[in-house]
Amino acid sequence: MPAIAKYAETPFTVLISCLLSLRTQDRTTIAASERLFAIAVKPASMLAVPVDTIEKAIYPVAFFRVKAATIHDICRHLLDRFGGEVPADLDDLLTLPGVGRKTANIVVTIAFRKHGIAVDTHVHRISNRLGYVRTKDADSTEMALRRKLPKRYWIQFNDLLVAYGQNLCKPISPMCSQCKIAQYCRRVGVKVSR
């Protein structure tokens, strides 16, 4: 979440930078967010920006055309249904176009400092690899973690496991020989390690 945390000024900037970050590297997200937020930082002013201008501002984020249209749709929903404010409720966030559980949890935790567990590919993989949960997809992992993990760890869990997954506990051939918690890991699904 480093790219998103940089834009934690308002719930709206958190939401939009999170949307931009999906399937996009942090440095690309940060640059795109800077360009976009130089144009508009509120739903009403963003909705006034033509979609093709948003596309140009956020390029080269992944799916930039789809994301530009989605940003417009989100702004419309925020203005029509939520008085121009990003809702603090997870279920309300999930009703916004393009907002899935991971994005909603990130907005809830970063923008509103409420309990949530953002589950991405790293959190899902490592939680299962450790043997802490046994799930097939990210949504199931989130629900299992909500039942099992003490709430005081929810907010930072994503940050810890994302960094860990990017640098040590990689999808293929994890660096188990360098892992500080290897003795506690069940190595579920690990066939080759370093």
N, C-alpha and C. Protein backbone atom coordinates (compact mmCIF):
# COMPACT_ATOMS: atom_id res chain seq x y z
N MET A 1 0.78 -1.21 0.00
CA MET A 1 0.00 0.00 0.00
C MET A 1 0.82 1.28 0.00
N PRO A 2 2.14 1.24 -0.22
CA PRO A 2 2.93 2.47 -0.15
C PRO A 2 2.43 3.55 -1.10
N ALA A 3 2.04 3.19 -2.31
CA ALA A 3 1.59 4.18 -3.27
C ALA A 3 0.29 4.83 -2.81
N ILE A 4 -0.56 4.06 -2.19
CA ILE A 4 -1.84 4.57 -1.73
C ILE A 4 -1.65 5.44 -0.50
N ALA A 5 -0.78 5.01 0.39
CA ALA A 5 -0.53 5.76 1.62
C ALA A 5 -0.04 7.17 1.34
N LYS A 6 0.64 7.35 0.21
CA LYS A 6 1.13 8.68 -0.17
C LYS A 6 -0.03 9.65 -0.40
N TYR A 7 -1.20 9.11 -0.78
CA TYR A 7 -2.36 9.96 -1.07
C TYR A 7 -3.47 9.76 -0.05
N ALA A 8 -3.10 9.73 1.22
CA ALA A 8 -4.06 9.50 2.30
C ALA A 8 -4.66 10.79 2.84
N GLU A 9 -4.57 11.89 2.09
CA GLU A 9 -5.10 13.16 2.57
C GLU A 9 -6.60 13.09 2.80
N THR A 10 -7.31 12.49 1.86
CA THR A 10 -8.77 12.40 1.98
C THR A 10 -9.22 10.99 1.59
N PRO A 11 -10.40 10.60 2.04
CA PRO A 11 -10.92 9.30 1.60
C PRO A 11 -11.04 9.19 0.08
N PHE A 12 -11.35 10.29 -0.59
CA PHE A 12 -11.46 10.27 -2.04
C PHE A 12 -10.12 9.98 -2.70
N THR A 13 -9.05 10.63 -2.26
CA THR A 13 -7.74 10.38 -2.87
C THR A 13 -7.26 8.96 -2.56
N VAL A 14 -7.60 8.45 -1.38
CA VAL A 14 -7.27 7.06 -1.07
C VAL A 14 -7.99 6.12 -2.02
N LEU A 15 -9.28 6.33 -2.20
CA LEU A 15 -10.09 5.48 -3.07
C LEU A 15 -9.57 5.50 -4.50
N ILE A 16 -9.34 6.66 -5.04
CA ILE A 16 -8.92 6.77 -6.45
C ILE A 16 -7.50 6.25 -6.64
N SER A 17 -6.59 6.55 -5.74
CA SER A 17 -5.22 6.02 -5.89
C SER A 17 -5.20 4.51 -5.74
N CYS A 18 -6.09 3.98 -4.90
CA CYS A 18 -6.19 2.52 -4.76
C CYS A 18 -6.68 1.90 -6.07
N LEU A 19 -7.68 2.51 -6.67
CA LEU A 19 -8.18 2.03 -7.96
C LEU A 19 -7.06 2.05 -9.01
N LEU A 20 -6.29 3.13 -9.02
CA LEU A 20 -5.19 3.24 -9.99
C LEU A 20 -4.11 2.18 -9.74
N SER A 21 -3.93 1.80 -8.48
CA SER A 21 -2.84 0.88 -8.13
C SER A 21 -3.09 -0.57 -8.54
N LEU A 22 -4.34 -0.92 -8.82
CA LEU A 22 -4.65 -2.30 -9.17
C LEU A 22 -3.90 -2.73 -10.43
N ARG A 23 -3.11 -3.79 -10.31
CA ARG A 23 -2.31 -4.35 -11.41
C ARG A 23 -1.29 -3.35 -11.96
N THR A 24 -0.84 -2.44 -11.10
CA THR A 24 0.11 -1.40 -11.52
C THR A 24 1.20 -1.27 -10.46
N GLN A 25 2.43 -1.06 -10.90
CA GLN A 25 3.54 -0.89 -9.97
C GLN A 25 3.40 0.43 -9.21
N ASP A 26 3.98 0.44 -8.01
CA ASP A 26 3.86 1.62 -7.14
C ASP A 26 4.35 2.90 -7.79
N ARG A 27 5.51 2.87 -8.43
CA ARG A 27 6.05 4.12 -9.00
C ARG A 27 5.15 4.66 -10.11
N THR A 28 4.52 3.78 -10.86
CA THR A 28 3.59 4.20 -11.92
C THR A 28 2.33 4.78 -11.29
N THR A 29 1.85 4.15 -10.24
CA THR A 29 0.66 4.63 -9.53
C THR A 29 0.90 6.00 -8.93
N ILE A 30 2.05 6.19 -8.30
CA ILE A 30 2.37 7.47 -7.66
C ILE A 30 2.41 8.59 -8.70
N ALA A 31 3.08 8.34 -9.81
CA ALA A 31 3.17 9.36 -10.87
C ALA A 31 1.79 9.68 -11.45
N ALA A 32 0.99 8.65 -11.70
CA ALA A 32 -0.35 8.86 -12.26
C ALA A 32 -1.24 9.61 -11.27
N SER A 33 -1.14 9.25 -9.99
CA SER A 33 -1.93 9.93 -8.96
C SER A 33 -1.55 11.40 -8.88
N GLU A 34 -0.26 11.70 -8.94
CA GLU A 34 0.19 13.10 -8.90
C GLU A 34 -0.39 13.90 -10.06
N ARG A 35 -0.34 13.30 -11.25
CA ARG A 35 -0.88 14.01 -12.42
C ARG A 35 -2.39 14.21 -12.30
N LEU A 36 -3.09 13.16 -11.86
CA LEU A 36 -4.55 13.24 -11.76
C LEU A 36 -4.98 14.22 -10.68
N PHE A 37 -4.35 14.14 -9.51
CA PHE A 37 -4.77 15.02 -8.40
C PHE A 37 -4.32 16.46 -8.60
N ALA A 38 -3.45 16.70 -9.54
CA ALA A 38 -3.13 18.09 -9.91
C ALA A 38 -4.29 18.71 -10.67
N ILE A 39 -5.12 17.85 -11.26
CA ILE A 39 -6.28 18.31 -12.04
C ILE A 39 -7.51 18.47 -11.15
N ALA A 40 -7.76 17.45 -10.30
CA ALA A 40 -8.96 17.47 -9.45
C ALA A 40 -8.76 16.55 -8.25
N VAL A 41 -9.32 16.96 -7.09
CA VAL A 41 -9.18 16.14 -5.88
C VAL A 41 -10.52 15.89 -5.17
N LYS A 42 -11.60 16.27 -5.80
CA LYS A 42 -12.93 16.05 -5.22
C LYS A 42 -13.84 15.45 -6.29
N PRO A 43 -14.85 14.70 -5.87
CA PRO A 43 -15.73 14.04 -6.84
C PRO A 43 -16.37 15.00 -7.85
N ALA A 44 -16.86 16.14 -7.40
CA ALA A 44 -17.53 17.07 -8.32
C ALA A 44 -16.56 17.62 -9.36
N SER A 45 -15.37 18.03 -8.92
CA SER A 45 -14.40 18.58 -9.88
C SER A 45 -13.84 17.48 -10.79
N MET A 46 -13.72 16.24 -10.27
CA MET A 46 -13.24 15.13 -11.11
C MET A 46 -14.26 14.77 -12.17
N LEU A 47 -15.53 14.82 -11.81
CA LEU A 47 -16.59 14.50 -12.77
C LEU A 47 -16.64 15.52 -13.90
N ALA A 48 -16.21 16.74 -13.62
CA ALA A 48 -16.19 17.78 -14.65
C ALA A 48 -15.04 17.61 -15.64
N VAL A 49 -14.08 16.77 -15.31
CA VAL A 49 -12.93 16.52 -16.18
C VAL A 49 -13.34 15.47 -17.22
N PRO A 50 -13.14 15.73 -18.51
CA PRO A 50 -13.49 14.74 -19.53
C PRO A 50 -12.72 13.42 -19.32
N VAL A 51 -13.36 12.32 -19.64
CA VAL A 51 -12.75 11.00 -19.47
C VAL A 51 -11.43 10.90 -20.22
N ASP A 52 -11.36 11.46 -21.43
CA ASP A 52 -10.10 11.34 -22.19
C ASP A 52 -8.97 12.13 -21.53
N THR A 53 -9.28 13.18 -20.80
CA THR A 53 -8.26 13.92 -20.04
C THR A 53 -7.76 13.08 -18.86
N ILE A 54 -8.69 12.39 -18.22
CA ILE A 54 -8.32 11.49 -17.12
C ILE A 54 -7.45 10.37 -17.67
N GLU A 55 -7.83 9.82 -18.82
CA GLU A 55 -7.02 8.76 -19.45
C GLU A 55 -5.58 9.21 -19.66
N LYS A 56 -5.43 10.41 -20.20
CA LYS A 56 -4.08 10.94 -20.45
C LYS A 56 -3.31 11.16 -19.15
N ALA A 57 -4.00 11.59 -18.11
CA ALA A 57 -3.34 11.86 -16.83
C ALA A 57 -2.86 10.58 -16.15
N ILE A 58 -3.63 9.50 -16.29
CA ILE A 58 -3.28 8.28 -15.55
C ILE A 58 -2.47 7.28 -16.36
N TYR A 59 -2.36 7.48 -17.67
CA TYR A 59 -1.54 6.59 -18.48
C TYR A 59 -0.11 6.62 -17.96
N PRO A 60 0.57 5.51 -17.80
CA PRO A 60 0.35 4.16 -18.30
C PRO A 60 -0.15 3.14 -17.26
N VAL A 61 -1.01 3.54 -16.30
CA VAL A 61 -1.52 2.52 -15.37
C VAL A 61 -2.25 1.45 -16.17
N ALA A 62 -2.27 0.26 -15.62
CA ALA A 62 -2.96 -0.85 -16.29
C ALA A 62 -4.44 -0.52 -16.46
N PHE A 63 -4.97 -0.85 -17.62
CA PHE A 63 -6.41 -0.64 -17.92
C PHE A 63 -6.81 0.82 -17.74
N PHE A 64 -5.96 1.74 -18.19
CA PHE A 64 -6.19 3.17 -17.93
C PHE A 64 -7.50 3.67 -18.51
N ARG A 65 -7.94 3.15 -19.65
CA ARG A 65 -9.21 3.59 -20.24
C ARG A 65 -10.39 3.16 -19.37
N VAL A 66 -10.37 1.91 -18.95
CA VAL A 66 -11.44 1.39 -18.08
C VAL A 66 -11.43 2.14 -16.75
N LYS A 67 -10.25 2.35 -16.19
CA LYS A 67 -10.15 3.04 -14.90
C LYS A 67 -10.63 4.50 -15.01
N ALA A 68 -10.35 5.17 -16.11
CA ALA A 68 -10.81 6.55 -16.29
C ALA A 68 -12.33 6.61 -16.30
N ALA A 69 -12.96 5.69 -17.02
CA ALA A 69 -14.43 5.64 -17.04
C ALA A 69 -14.98 5.28 -15.67
N THR A 70 -14.31 4.37 -14.98
CA THR A 70 -14.74 3.96 -13.64
C THR A 70 -14.64 5.12 -12.66
N ILE A 71 -13.60 5.92 -12.77
CA ILE A 71 -13.46 7.09 -11.90
C ILE A 71 -14.65 8.01 -12.08
N HIS A 72 -15.06 8.23 -13.31
CA HIS A 72 -16.25 9.05 -13.56
C HIS A 72 -17.49 8.43 -12.92
N ASP A 73 -17.65 7.13 -13.12
CA ASP A 73 -18.81 6.44 -12.53
C ASP A 73 -18.81 6.54 -11.01
N ILE A 74 -17.65 6.35 -10.40
CA ILE A 74 -17.55 6.45 -8.94
C ILE A 74 -17.95 7.85 -8.49
N CYS A 75 -17.43 8.86 -9.16
CA CYS A 75 -17.76 10.25 -8.79
C CYS A 75 -19.26 10.50 -8.89
N ARG A 76 -19.87 9.99 -9.93
CA ARG A 76 -21.32 10.14 -10.11
C ARG A 76 -22.07 9.49 -8.94
N HIS A 77 -21.67 8.28 -8.59
CA HIS A 77 -22.31 7.58 -7.47
C HIS A 77 -22.09 8.33 -6.16
N LEU A 78 -20.87 8.81 -5.94
CA LEU A 78 -20.58 9.54 -4.69
C LEU A 78 -21.46 10.78 -4.59
N LEU A 79 -21.63 11.48 -5.69
CA LEU A 79 -22.44 12.70 -5.68
C LEU A 79 -23.92 12.38 -5.55
N ASP A 80 -24.40 11.39 -6.28
CA ASP A 80 -25.83 11.06 -6.29
C ASP A 80 -26.30 10.35 -5.02
N ARG A 81 -25.45 9.49 -4.47
CA ARG A 81 -25.90 8.63 -3.38
C ARG A 81 -25.30 8.93 -2.01
N PHE A 82 -24.14 9.60 -2.01
CA PHE A 82 -23.44 9.79 -0.73
C PHE A 82 -23.07 11.25 -0.46
N GLY A 83 -23.76 12.17 -1.09
CA GLY A 83 -23.52 13.59 -0.84
C GLY A 83 -22.13 14.06 -1.17
N GLY A 84 -21.47 13.36 -2.12
CA GLY A 84 -20.12 13.74 -2.53
C GLY A 84 -19.03 13.24 -1.62
N GLU A 85 -19.39 12.44 -0.63
CA GLU A 85 -18.42 11.90 0.33
C GLU A 85 -18.20 10.40 0.09
N VAL A 86 -16.99 9.95 0.34
CA VAL A 86 -16.70 8.51 0.28
C VAL A 86 -17.26 7.89 1.55
N PRO A 87 -18.08 6.85 1.41
CA PRO A 87 -18.64 6.23 2.61
C PRO A 87 -17.58 5.50 3.43
N ALA A 88 -17.77 5.49 4.74
CA ALA A 88 -16.84 4.81 5.65
C ALA A 88 -17.23 3.36 5.90
N ASP A 89 -18.36 2.95 5.36
CA ASP A 89 -18.88 1.61 5.57
C ASP A 89 -18.44 0.68 4.44
N LEU A 90 -17.91 -0.47 4.80
CA LEU A 90 -17.41 -1.45 3.82
C LEU A 90 -18.50 -1.84 2.83
N ASP A 91 -19.69 -2.13 3.32
CA ASP A 91 -20.77 -2.56 2.42
C ASP A 91 -21.17 -1.45 1.44
N ASP A 92 -21.18 -0.20 1.90
CA ASP A 92 -21.47 0.91 1.00
C ASP A 92 -20.38 1.07 -0.06
N LEU A 93 -19.14 0.93 0.35
CA LEU A 93 -18.02 1.03 -0.60
C LEU A 93 -18.14 -0.04 -1.69
N LEU A 94 -18.57 -1.22 -1.30
CA LEU A 94 -18.69 -2.32 -2.26
C LEU A 94 -19.76 -2.08 -3.32
N THR A 95 -20.64 -1.11 -3.10
CA THR A 95 -21.66 -0.79 -4.10
C THR A 95 -21.14 0.15 -5.18
N LEU A 96 -19.94 0.70 -4.97
CA LEU A 96 -19.37 1.62 -5.97
C LEU A 96 -18.79 0.83 -7.14
N PRO A 97 -18.89 1.38 -8.35
CA PRO A 97 -18.35 0.69 -9.53
C PRO A 97 -16.85 0.44 -9.40
N GLY A 98 -16.42 -0.77 -9.72
CA GLY A 98 -15.00 -1.10 -9.73
C GLY A 98 -14.38 -1.32 -8.37
N VAL A 99 -15.17 -1.25 -7.31
CA VAL A 99 -14.64 -1.42 -5.95
C VAL A 99 -14.93 -2.83 -5.46
N GLY A 100 -13.86 -3.59 -5.27
CA GLY A 100 -13.98 -4.93 -4.72
C GLY A 100 -13.59 -4.93 -3.25
N ARG A 101 -13.54 -6.09 -2.67
CA ARG A 101 -13.27 -6.22 -1.23
C ARG A 101 -11.90 -5.67 -0.85
N LYS A 102 -10.88 -5.95 -1.66
CA LYS A 102 -9.54 -5.46 -1.33
C LYS A 102 -9.52 -3.93 -1.28
N THR A 103 -10.04 -3.30 -2.32
CA THR A 103 -10.08 -1.84 -2.38
C THR A 103 -10.90 -1.27 -1.22
N ALA A 104 -12.06 -1.84 -0.98
CA ALA A 104 -12.93 -1.35 0.10
C ALA A 104 -12.22 -1.45 1.46
N ASN A 105 -11.55 -2.56 1.69
CA ASN A 105 -10.82 -2.73 2.96
C ASN A 105 -9.67 -1.73 3.08
N ILE A 106 -8.97 -1.46 2.00
CA ILE A 106 -7.89 -0.48 2.03
C ILE A 106 -8.43 0.91 2.35
N VAL A 107 -9.54 1.28 1.73
CA VAL A 107 -10.13 2.59 2.00
C VAL A 107 -10.57 2.68 3.46
N VAL A 108 -11.22 1.65 3.95
CA VAL A 108 -11.68 1.64 5.34
C VAL A 108 -10.51 1.78 6.31
N THR A 109 -9.42 1.05 6.04
CA THR A 109 -8.30 1.06 6.98
C THR A 109 -7.46 2.33 6.87
N ILE A 110 -7.13 2.76 5.67
CA ILE A 110 -6.26 3.94 5.51
C ILE A 110 -7.03 5.25 5.72
N ALA A 111 -8.18 5.37 5.09
CA ALA A 111 -8.91 6.64 5.13
C ALA A 111 -9.67 6.85 6.44
N PHE A 112 -10.17 5.76 7.01
CA PHE A 112 -11.03 5.90 8.18
C PHE A 112 -10.48 5.24 9.45
N ARG A 113 -9.30 4.59 9.34
CA ARG A 113 -8.65 3.92 10.47
C ARG A 113 -9.60 2.96 11.19
N LYS A 114 -10.43 2.29 10.40
CA LYS A 114 -11.32 1.27 10.93
C LYS A 114 -10.71 -0.10 10.64
N HIS A 115 -11.17 -1.09 11.37
CA HIS A 115 -10.66 -2.44 11.17
C HIS A 115 -11.08 -3.00 9.81
N GLY A 116 -10.10 -3.57 9.13
CA GLY A 116 -10.34 -4.24 7.86
C GLY A 116 -9.11 -5.05 7.50
N ILE A 117 -9.31 -6.03 6.64
CA ILE A 117 -8.19 -6.85 6.18
C ILE A 117 -8.19 -6.84 4.66
N ALA A 118 -7.23 -6.16 4.10
CA ALA A 118 -7.09 -6.12 2.63
C ALA A 118 -6.32 -7.36 2.20
N VAL A 119 -6.98 -8.21 1.43
CA VAL A 119 -6.34 -9.45 1.00
C VAL A 119 -6.03 -9.36 -0.49
N ASP A 120 -4.73 -9.37 -0.78
CA ASP A 120 -4.28 -9.43 -2.17
C ASP A 120 -3.63 -10.78 -2.39
N THR A 121 -2.97 -10.93 -3.52
CA THR A 121 -2.36 -12.22 -3.86
C THR A 121 -1.31 -12.65 -2.83
N HIS A 122 -0.54 -11.71 -2.29
CA HIS A 122 0.48 -12.04 -1.30
C HIS A 122 -0.14 -12.52 0.01
N VAL A 123 -1.13 -11.80 0.49
CA VAL A 123 -1.78 -12.16 1.75
C VAL A 123 -2.44 -13.53 1.62
N HIS A 124 -3.11 -13.74 0.50
CA HIS A 124 -3.77 -15.04 0.26
C HIS A 124 -2.74 -16.16 0.21
N ARG A 125 -1.70 -15.98 -0.60
CA ARG A 125 -0.68 -17.02 -0.77
C ARG A 125 0.04 -17.34 0.53
N ILE A 126 0.53 -16.33 1.22
CA ILE A 126 1.35 -16.55 2.41
C ILE A 126 0.50 -17.09 3.57
N SER A 127 -0.70 -16.59 3.74
CA SER A 127 -1.57 -17.10 4.80
C SER A 127 -1.82 -18.59 4.63
N ASN A 128 -1.99 -19.01 3.38
CA ASN A 128 -2.19 -20.44 3.09
C ASN A 128 -0.89 -21.22 3.17
N ARG A 129 0.19 -20.65 2.67
CA ARG A 129 1.50 -21.33 2.70
C ARG A 129 1.93 -21.61 4.14
N LEU A 130 1.69 -20.66 5.03
CA LEU A 130 2.02 -20.84 6.43
C LEU A 130 1.16 -21.92 7.09
N GLY A 131 0.00 -22.19 6.47
CA GLY A 131 -0.94 -23.12 7.06
C GLY A 131 -1.87 -22.45 8.06
N TYR A 132 -1.86 -21.12 8.09
CA TYR A 132 -2.71 -20.37 9.01
C TYR A 132 -4.18 -20.47 8.62
N VAL A 133 -4.43 -20.47 7.30
CA VAL A 133 -5.78 -20.68 6.76
C VAL A 133 -5.70 -21.69 5.63
N ARG A 134 -6.84 -22.23 5.26
CA ARG A 134 -6.94 -23.13 4.12
C ARG A 134 -8.09 -22.63 3.25
N THR A 135 -7.74 -21.82 2.26
CA THR A 135 -8.77 -21.21 1.43
C THR A 135 -8.37 -21.28 -0.04
N LYS A 136 -9.36 -21.07 -0.90
CA LYS A 136 -9.14 -21.17 -2.34
C LYS A 136 -9.02 -19.82 -3.03
N ASP A 137 -9.54 -18.76 -2.42
CA ASP A 137 -9.51 -17.44 -3.06
C ASP A 137 -9.38 -16.33 -2.02
N ALA A 138 -9.14 -15.13 -2.51
CA ALA A 138 -8.88 -13.99 -1.62
C ALA A 138 -10.06 -13.67 -0.71
N ASP A 139 -11.28 -13.73 -1.24
CA ASP A 139 -12.44 -13.43 -0.41
C ASP A 139 -12.58 -14.42 0.74
N SER A 140 -12.36 -15.70 0.46
CA SER A 140 -12.42 -16.73 1.51
C SER A 140 -11.30 -16.52 2.52
N THR A 141 -10.14 -16.10 2.04
CA THR A 141 -9.02 -15.82 2.94
C THR A 141 -9.37 -14.66 3.87
N GLU A 142 -9.96 -13.61 3.33
CA GLU A 142 -10.36 -12.48 4.17
C GLU A 142 -11.31 -12.94 5.28
N MET A 143 -12.32 -13.73 4.92
CA MET A 143 -13.30 -14.19 5.92
C MET A 143 -12.63 -15.09 6.97
N ALA A 144 -11.73 -15.97 6.52
CA ALA A 144 -11.02 -16.85 7.46
C ALA A 144 -10.13 -16.03 8.40
N LEU A 145 -9.45 -15.03 7.86
CA LEU A 145 -8.59 -14.18 8.69
C LEU A 145 -9.42 -13.35 9.67
N ARG A 146 -10.57 -12.89 9.25
CA ARG A 146 -11.46 -12.14 10.15
C ARG A 146 -11.86 -12.99 11.35
N ARG A 147 -12.05 -14.28 11.12
CA ARG A 147 -12.43 -15.18 12.22
C ARG A 147 -11.25 -15.52 13.12
N LYS A 148 -10.06 -15.61 12.55
CA LYS A 148 -8.91 -16.17 13.26
C LYS A 148 -7.91 -15.14 13.79
N LEU A 149 -7.63 -14.12 13.01
CA LEU A 149 -6.59 -13.14 13.35
C LEU A 149 -7.15 -12.10 14.32
N PRO A 150 -6.48 -11.84 15.43
CA PRO A 150 -6.95 -10.79 16.35
C PRO A 150 -7.06 -9.44 15.64
N LYS A 151 -8.12 -8.70 15.95
CA LYS A 151 -8.40 -7.42 15.27
C LYS A 151 -7.24 -6.44 15.32
N ARG A 152 -6.48 -6.48 16.39
CA ARG A 152 -5.39 -5.50 16.53
C ARG A 152 -4.34 -5.64 15.43
N TYR A 153 -4.33 -6.77 14.71
CA TYR A 153 -3.36 -6.99 13.63
C TYR A 153 -3.94 -6.78 12.23
N TRP A 154 -5.22 -6.58 12.14
CA TRP A 154 -5.86 -6.51 10.83
C TRP A 154 -5.27 -5.44 9.92
N ILE A 155 -5.16 -4.23 10.42
CA ILE A 155 -4.76 -3.11 9.56
C ILE A 155 -3.36 -3.30 8.98
N GLN A 156 -2.40 -3.73 9.79
CA GLN A 156 -1.03 -3.85 9.29
C GLN A 156 -0.73 -5.19 8.61
N PHE A 157 -1.65 -6.13 8.67
CA PHE A 157 -1.40 -7.47 8.12
C PHE A 157 -1.06 -7.42 6.63
N ASN A 158 -1.79 -6.65 5.87
CA ASN A 158 -1.54 -6.52 4.43
C ASN A 158 -0.16 -5.95 4.18
N ASP A 159 0.19 -4.87 4.84
CA ASP A 159 1.51 -4.24 4.64
C ASP A 159 2.64 -5.23 4.91
N LEU A 160 2.53 -5.96 6.00
CA LEU A 160 3.57 -6.92 6.36
C LEU A 160 3.73 -8.03 5.34
N LEU A 161 2.61 -8.61 4.93
CA LEU A 161 2.69 -9.76 4.03
C LEU A 161 3.00 -9.37 2.59
N VAL A 162 2.57 -8.19 2.16
CA VAL A 162 2.91 -7.75 0.81
C VAL A 162 4.42 -7.57 0.68
N ALA A 163 5.00 -6.84 1.62
CA ALA A 163 6.46 -6.64 1.59
C ALA A 163 7.19 -7.98 1.69
N TYR A 164 6.71 -8.85 2.53
CA TYR A 164 7.31 -10.17 2.72
C TYR A 164 7.21 -10.99 1.44
N GLY A 165 6.04 -10.94 0.81
CA GLY A 165 5.81 -11.70 -0.43
C GLY A 165 6.60 -11.18 -1.61
N GLN A 166 6.83 -9.89 -1.66
CA GLN A 166 7.59 -9.30 -2.76
C GLN A 166 9.08 -9.58 -2.63
N ASN A 167 9.56 -9.70 -1.39
CA ASN A 167 11.00 -9.79 -1.17
C ASN A 167 11.53 -11.14 -0.74
N LEU A 168 10.72 -11.98 -0.11
CA LEU A 168 11.22 -13.22 0.45
C LEU A 168 10.35 -14.44 0.11
N CYS A 169 9.10 -14.35 0.45
CA CYS A 169 8.19 -15.49 0.29
C CYS A 169 7.51 -15.39 -1.08
N LYS A 170 8.33 -15.53 -2.11
CA LYS A 170 7.88 -15.34 -3.49
C LYS A 170 6.97 -16.49 -3.93
N PRO A 171 6.17 -16.27 -4.96
CA PRO A 171 5.24 -17.31 -5.41
C PRO A 171 5.95 -18.61 -5.82
N ILE A 172 7.05 -18.46 -6.55
CA ILE A 172 7.80 -19.62 -7.01
C ILE A 172 9.19 -19.57 -6.38
N SER A 173 9.62 -20.66 -5.84
CA SER A 173 10.92 -20.77 -5.20
C SER A 173 11.16 -19.70 -4.14
N PRO A 174 10.35 -19.74 -3.07
CA PRO A 174 10.56 -18.77 -1.99
C PRO A 174 11.91 -18.97 -1.31
N MET A 175 12.40 -17.95 -0.68
CA MET A 175 13.71 -17.99 -0.03
C MET A 175 13.59 -18.48 1.41
N CYS A 176 13.20 -19.72 1.56
CA CYS A 176 12.96 -20.32 2.88
C CYS A 176 14.22 -20.32 3.74
N SER A 177 15.39 -20.42 3.13
CA SER A 177 16.63 -20.46 3.91
C SER A 177 16.91 -19.13 4.61
N GLN A 178 16.30 -18.04 4.13
CA GLN A 178 16.50 -16.72 4.74
C GLN A 178 15.31 -16.29 5.61
N CYS A 179 14.30 -17.12 5.67
CA CYS A 179 13.07 -16.77 6.36
C CYS A 179 13.22 -16.89 7.87
N LYS A 180 12.85 -15.84 8.59
CA LYS A 180 12.96 -15.81 10.05
C LYS A 180 11.86 -16.61 10.74
N ILE A 181 10.81 -16.94 10.00
CA ILE A 181 9.72 -17.71 10.62
C ILE A 181 9.57 -19.09 9.97
N ALA A 182 10.60 -19.55 9.30
CA ALA A 182 10.54 -20.84 8.59
C ALA A 182 10.13 -21.99 9.51
N GLN A 183 10.56 -21.94 10.75
CA GLN A 183 10.24 -23.04 11.68
C GLN A 183 8.75 -23.14 11.97
N TYR A 184 8.00 -22.06 11.73
CA TYR A 184 6.57 -22.06 11.99
C TYR A 184 5.75 -22.30 10.71
N CYS A 185 6.42 -22.33 9.58
CA CYS A 185 5.74 -22.43 8.29
C CYS A 185 5.54 -23.89 7.89
N ARG A 186 4.35 -24.17 7.44
CA ARG A 186 4.04 -25.54 6.99
C ARG A 186 4.43 -25.75 5.53
N ARG A 187 4.81 -24.66 4.85
CA ARG A 187 5.28 -24.72 3.45
C ARG A 187 4.25 -25.38 2.52
N VAL A 188 3.00 -25.09 2.76
CA VAL A 188 1.92 -25.66 1.96
C VAL A 188 2.10 -25.25 0.50
N GLY A 189 2.19 -26.21 -0.39
CA GLY A 189 2.33 -25.96 -1.82
C GLY A 189 3.73 -25.64 -2.30
N VAL A 190 4.70 -25.57 -1.40
CA VAL A 190 6.07 -25.24 -1.80
C VAL A 190 6.75 -26.52 -2.29
N LYS A 191 7.14 -26.51 -3.55
CA LYS A 191 7.82 -27.65 -4.15
C LYS A 191 9.33 -27.42 -4.24
N VAL A 192 9.71 -26.17 -4.53
CA VAL A 192 11.12 -25.79 -4.67
C VAL A 192 11.33 -24.50 -3.88
N SER A 193 12.40 -24.44 -3.12
CA SER A 193 12.71 -23.22 -2.39
C SER A 193 14.22 -22.98 -2.44
N ARG A 194 14.60 -21.77 -2.07
CA ARG A 194 16.02 -21.41 -2.02
C ARG A 194 16.43 -21.20 -0.59
